[in-house]
Amino acid sequence: MKRTFTALLLSTVAAVAAAQHQHHAPATTPAAQAASTDFAEGEVRKVDKAAGKVIIKHGEIRSVNMGPMTMMFDVKSPALLDKVVAGDKVKFRVEEIKGDYVVTAIEKAK
């Protein structure tokens, strides 16, 4: 009887430890992390180099869980705006930085 209780106790402890490990496992897999850096697609509507801003009509932006819309973005580096002009179809990356959505990479779509 004592051995049965000990075996039951050990198996319960092992099950709880496994459940806690599973609960604390990282929520994102390498594939999910890679998806968060995917480029979104859009069309540049306006470039304001002096202000460091760009208006883009875009589809879904998975990296920040944003649906399709037309929106003005800050850019991480004004030099990014040298690559595009209004009317260009683009691929771009957005990150949320200090509560703002910021274009951190942009290139003409092929």
Protein backbone atom coordinates (compact mmCIF):
# COMPACT_ATOMS: atom_id res chain seq x y z
CA MET A 1 0.00 0.00 0.00
CA LYS A 2 2.82 2.38 0.90
CA ARG A 3 4.59 1.62 -2.41
CA THR A 4 1.38 2.27 -4.36
CA PHE A 5 0.92 5.63 -2.62
CA THR A 6 4.58 6.57 -3.29
CA ALA A 7 4.28 5.58 -6.96
CA LEU A 8 1.04 7.58 -7.28
CA LEU A 9 2.63 10.59 -5.58
CA LEU A 10 5.70 10.45 -7.85
CA SER A 11 3.61 10.16 -10.99
CA THR A 12 1.46 13.11 -9.88
CA VAL A 13 4.54 15.23 -9.18
CA ALA A 14 5.96 14.31 -12.60
CA ALA A 15 2.68 15.22 -14.32
CA VAL A 16 2.49 18.58 -12.53
CA ALA A 17 6.13 19.34 -13.41
CA ALA A 18 5.49 18.49 -17.06
CA ALA A 19 2.37 20.68 -17.14
CA GLN A 20 4.26 23.60 -15.58
CA HIS A 21 7.08 23.22 -18.09
CA GLN A 22 4.58 23.18 -20.94
CA HIS A 23 2.80 26.22 -19.50
CA HIS A 24 6.04 28.21 -19.36
CA ALA A 25 7.29 27.17 -22.78
CA PRO A 26 7.82 30.07 -25.19
CA ALA A 27 4.58 31.14 -26.87
CA THR A 28 6.30 31.65 -30.20
CA THR A 29 8.07 29.10 -32.31
CA PRO A 30 10.93 30.01 -34.63
CA ALA A 31 8.41 29.93 -37.50
CA ALA A 32 6.12 32.35 -35.66
CA GLN A 33 9.05 34.64 -34.91
CA ALA A 34 10.04 34.60 -38.58
CA ALA A 35 6.46 35.42 -39.57
CA SER A 36 6.55 38.46 -37.30
CA THR A 37 9.31 39.91 -39.45
CA ASP A 38 7.48 39.28 -42.72
CA PHE A 39 7.06 42.17 -45.07
CA ALA A 40 3.61 43.60 -45.67
CA GLU A 41 2.53 44.81 -49.10
CA GLY A 42 1.16 48.19 -50.04
CA GLU A 43 1.24 51.23 -52.27
CA VAL A 44 2.95 54.47 -51.33
CA ARG A 45 0.49 57.35 -51.44
CA LYS A 46 2.73 60.17 -50.18
CA VAL A 47 6.33 60.63 -49.04
CA ASP A 48 7.25 63.44 -46.63
CA LYS A 49 11.03 63.28 -46.31
CA ALA A 50 11.23 66.46 -44.21
CA ALA A 51 8.89 65.01 -41.57
CA GLY A 52 10.20 61.44 -41.89
CA LYS A 53 6.75 60.07 -42.70
CA VAL A 54 5.12 58.00 -45.42
CA ILE A 55 1.48 57.29 -46.22
CA ILE A 56 0.88 53.73 -47.37
CA LYS A 57 -2.30 52.01 -48.53
CA HIS A 58 -1.61 48.50 -47.26
CA GLY A 59 -2.98 45.05 -46.77
CA GLU A 60 -2.80 43.14 -43.50
CA ILE A 61 0.33 43.74 -41.41
CA ARG A 62 0.71 40.55 -39.38
CA SER A 63 3.71 41.77 -37.39
CA VAL A 64 1.52 44.30 -35.57
CA ASN A 65 -1.87 42.62 -36.05
CA MET A 66 -3.24 45.42 -38.25
CA GLY A 67 -5.91 45.08 -40.90
CA PRO A 68 -5.87 46.71 -44.34
CA MET A 69 -6.12 50.51 -44.47
CA THR A 70 -4.38 53.67 -45.60
CA MET A 71 -2.18 55.09 -42.87
CA MET A 72 0.65 57.51 -42.19
CA PHE A 73 3.74 55.91 -40.65
CA ASP A 74 6.89 57.31 -39.12
CA VAL A 75 10.06 55.84 -40.60
CA LYS A 76 12.97 54.61 -38.52
CA SER A 77 15.45 56.33 -40.82
CA PRO A 78 14.60 59.14 -43.26
CA ALA A 79 17.05 57.52 -45.72
CA LEU A 80 14.44 54.77 -46.23
CA LEU A 81 12.30 57.32 -48.05
CA ASP A 82 14.97 57.79 -50.74
CA LYS A 83 13.99 54.35 -52.06
CA VAL A 84 10.34 55.10 -52.89
CA VAL A 85 8.00 57.65 -54.43
CA ALA A 86 4.22 58.05 -54.47
CA GLY A 87 2.63 55.35 -56.60
CA ASP A 88 5.29 52.70 -55.92
CA LYS A 89 4.11 49.22 -55.00
CA VAL A 90 6.18 48.28 -51.96
CA LYS A 91 7.01 45.62 -49.42
CA PHE A 92 7.68 47.02 -45.98
CA ARG A 93 8.19 46.03 -42.37
CA VAL A 94 6.45 47.74 -39.46
CA GLU A 95 7.35 47.53 -35.78
CA GLU A 96 5.61 49.02 -32.79
CA ILE A 97 8.15 51.30 -31.11
CA LYS A 98 7.16 53.23 -27.99
CA GLY A 99 3.50 52.94 -28.95
CA ASP A 100 3.97 54.15 -32.53
CA TYR A 101 3.91 52.08 -35.73
CA VAL A 102 7.22 52.66 -37.47
CA VAL A 103 8.38 51.52 -40.92
CA THR A 104 11.77 49.90 -40.30
CA ALA A 105 12.36 48.61 -43.85
CA ILE A 106 10.87 49.35 -47.25
CA GLU A 107 11.60 48.27 -50.80
CA LYS A 108 9.90 48.40 -54.18
CA ALA A 109 7.88 45.26 -54.88
CA LYS A 110 9.09 43.09 -57.72
